[in-house]
Amino acid sequence: MRAVVLRGILIVVALLAFGTGLSSTSASFAAPGPAAVGADTGQAAAEYAAAQDAQTVYVYVTKTGKKYHRGDCRYLKKSKIKMTLEAAKQAGYTPCKVCKPPR
């Protein structure tokens, strides 16, 4: 079990390193190819997707407001629309001063 988790972490690190524009010569390790991953390719992809989802920050907005909030904010009683922090910022929402969501 521990080996599978460590291999998943190494795959995520390799994917993140190569996905950020680093060249293969600047990394001290090589991304595992299909032969190295073997039959667990689907599992590795699922682990990578789960890691990406864990890094995604979600906030909540209302139908009529201009602020984004934490999920437990008192201003979300009438409507509560979930979206990513990035999408909320791009849509012009600003952080609530009461619940102080992530920025």
Protein backbone atom coordinates (compact mmCIF):
# COMPACT_ATOMS: atom_id res chain seq x y z
CA MET A 1 0.00 0.00 0.00
CA ARG A 2 2.78 2.42 0.96
CA ALA A 3 4.64 1.71 -2.30
CA VAL A 4 1.52 2.47 -4.34
CA VAL A 5 1.03 5.79 -2.54
CA LEU A 6 4.69 6.75 -2.98
CA ARG A 7 4.57 5.83 -6.66
CA GLY A 8 1.43 7.94 -7.06
CA ILE A 9 3.12 10.89 -5.39
CA LEU A 10 6.16 10.55 -7.66
CA ILE A 11 3.90 10.45 -10.71
CA VAL A 12 2.08 13.58 -9.59
CA VAL A 13 5.37 15.37 -8.92
CA ALA A 14 6.70 14.35 -12.33
CA LEU A 15 3.54 15.47 -14.08
CA LEU A 16 3.52 18.78 -12.26
CA ALA A 17 7.20 19.39 -12.98
CA PHE A 18 6.86 18.66 -16.66
CA GLY A 19 3.52 20.41 -16.95
CA THR A 20 4.99 23.72 -15.71
CA GLY A 21 7.35 24.05 -18.65
CA LEU A 22 10.48 22.60 -17.09
CA SER A 23 12.65 20.83 -19.61
CA SER A 24 13.51 17.19 -19.12
CA THR A 25 17.18 18.12 -18.65
CA SER A 26 16.45 20.41 -15.69
CA ALA A 27 14.65 17.69 -13.73
CA SER A 28 16.71 15.18 -11.81
CA PHE A 29 14.31 12.36 -12.65
CA ALA A 30 12.49 11.09 -15.70
CA ALA A 31 8.73 10.87 -16.02
CA PRO A 32 7.64 7.25 -15.84
CA GLY A 33 6.64 5.88 -19.21
CA PRO A 34 3.95 3.31 -19.88
CA ALA A 35 6.36 0.45 -19.19
CA ALA A 36 7.25 1.85 -15.76
CA VAL A 37 3.65 2.42 -14.78
CA GLY A 38 2.41 -0.86 -16.23
CA ALA A 39 -1.21 -1.83 -15.69
CA ASP A 40 -1.75 0.94 -13.13
CA THR A 41 -1.97 3.70 -15.75
CA GLY A 42 -5.66 4.25 -15.05
CA GLN A 43 -5.04 4.29 -11.31
CA ALA A 44 -2.19 6.80 -11.71
CA ALA A 45 -4.42 9.07 -13.76
CA ALA A 46 -7.13 8.85 -11.11
CA GLU A 47 -4.60 9.67 -8.37
CA TYR A 48 -3.35 12.65 -10.38
CA ALA A 49 -6.90 13.91 -10.92
CA ALA A 50 -7.62 13.52 -7.20
CA ALA A 51 -4.46 15.46 -6.33
CA GLN A 52 -5.43 18.26 -8.73
CA ASP A 53 -8.95 18.35 -7.26
CA ALA A 54 -7.51 18.54 -3.75
CA GLN A 55 -5.59 21.66 -4.78
CA THR A 56 -8.70 23.33 -6.22
CA VAL A 57 -10.20 25.87 -3.83
CA TYR A 58 -13.97 26.25 -3.89
CA VAL A 59 -15.96 29.25 -2.71
CA TYR A 60 -19.63 30.15 -2.83
CA VAL A 61 -21.52 33.05 -4.35
CA THR A 62 -25.16 34.12 -4.28
CA LYS A 63 -27.53 34.81 -7.16
CA THR A 64 -27.53 38.56 -6.56
CA GLY A 65 -24.38 39.36 -4.56
CA LYS A 66 -20.97 40.62 -5.59
CA LYS A 67 -18.94 38.76 -2.93
CA TYR A 68 -17.63 35.20 -2.63
CA HIS A 69 -17.89 33.34 0.68
CA ARG A 70 -16.89 30.29 2.72
CA GLY A 71 -19.47 27.51 2.76
CA ASP A 72 -20.62 28.33 6.28
CA CYS A 73 -21.05 32.10 5.86
CA ARG A 74 -24.27 33.54 7.25
CA TYR A 75 -24.91 35.43 4.01
CA LEU A 76 -25.48 32.19 2.10
CA LYS A 77 -28.90 31.45 3.61
CA LYS A 78 -31.00 32.19 0.51
CA SER A 79 -28.71 30.96 -2.28
CA LYS A 80 -25.42 29.11 -2.41
CA ILE A 81 -23.64 28.56 -5.73
CA LYS A 82 -20.35 26.63 -5.64
CA MET A 83 -17.49 27.69 -7.94
CA THR A 84 -13.72 27.71 -7.96
CA LEU A 85 -11.88 30.62 -6.41
CA GLU A 86 -10.28 31.36 -9.77
CA ALA A 87 -13.66 31.50 -11.53
CA ALA A 88 -15.09 33.77 -8.83
CA LYS A 89 -12.19 36.20 -9.21
CA GLN A 90 -12.49 36.19 -13.00
CA ALA A 91 -16.23 36.91 -12.70
CA GLY A 92 -15.44 40.00 -10.62
CA TYR A 93 -16.47 38.73 -7.19
CA THR A 94 -14.57 40.08 -4.18
CA PRO A 95 -14.01 38.33 -0.80
CA CYS A 96 -16.62 38.66 1.95
CA LYS A 97 -15.38 40.73 4.91
CA VAL A 98 -17.39 38.67 7.40
CA CYS A 99 -16.34 35.05 6.65
CA LYS A 100 -12.91 35.98 5.17
CA PRO A 101 -12.65 33.30 2.44
CA PRO A 102 -9.31 32.34 0.86
CA ARG A 103 -7.82 34.86 -1.51
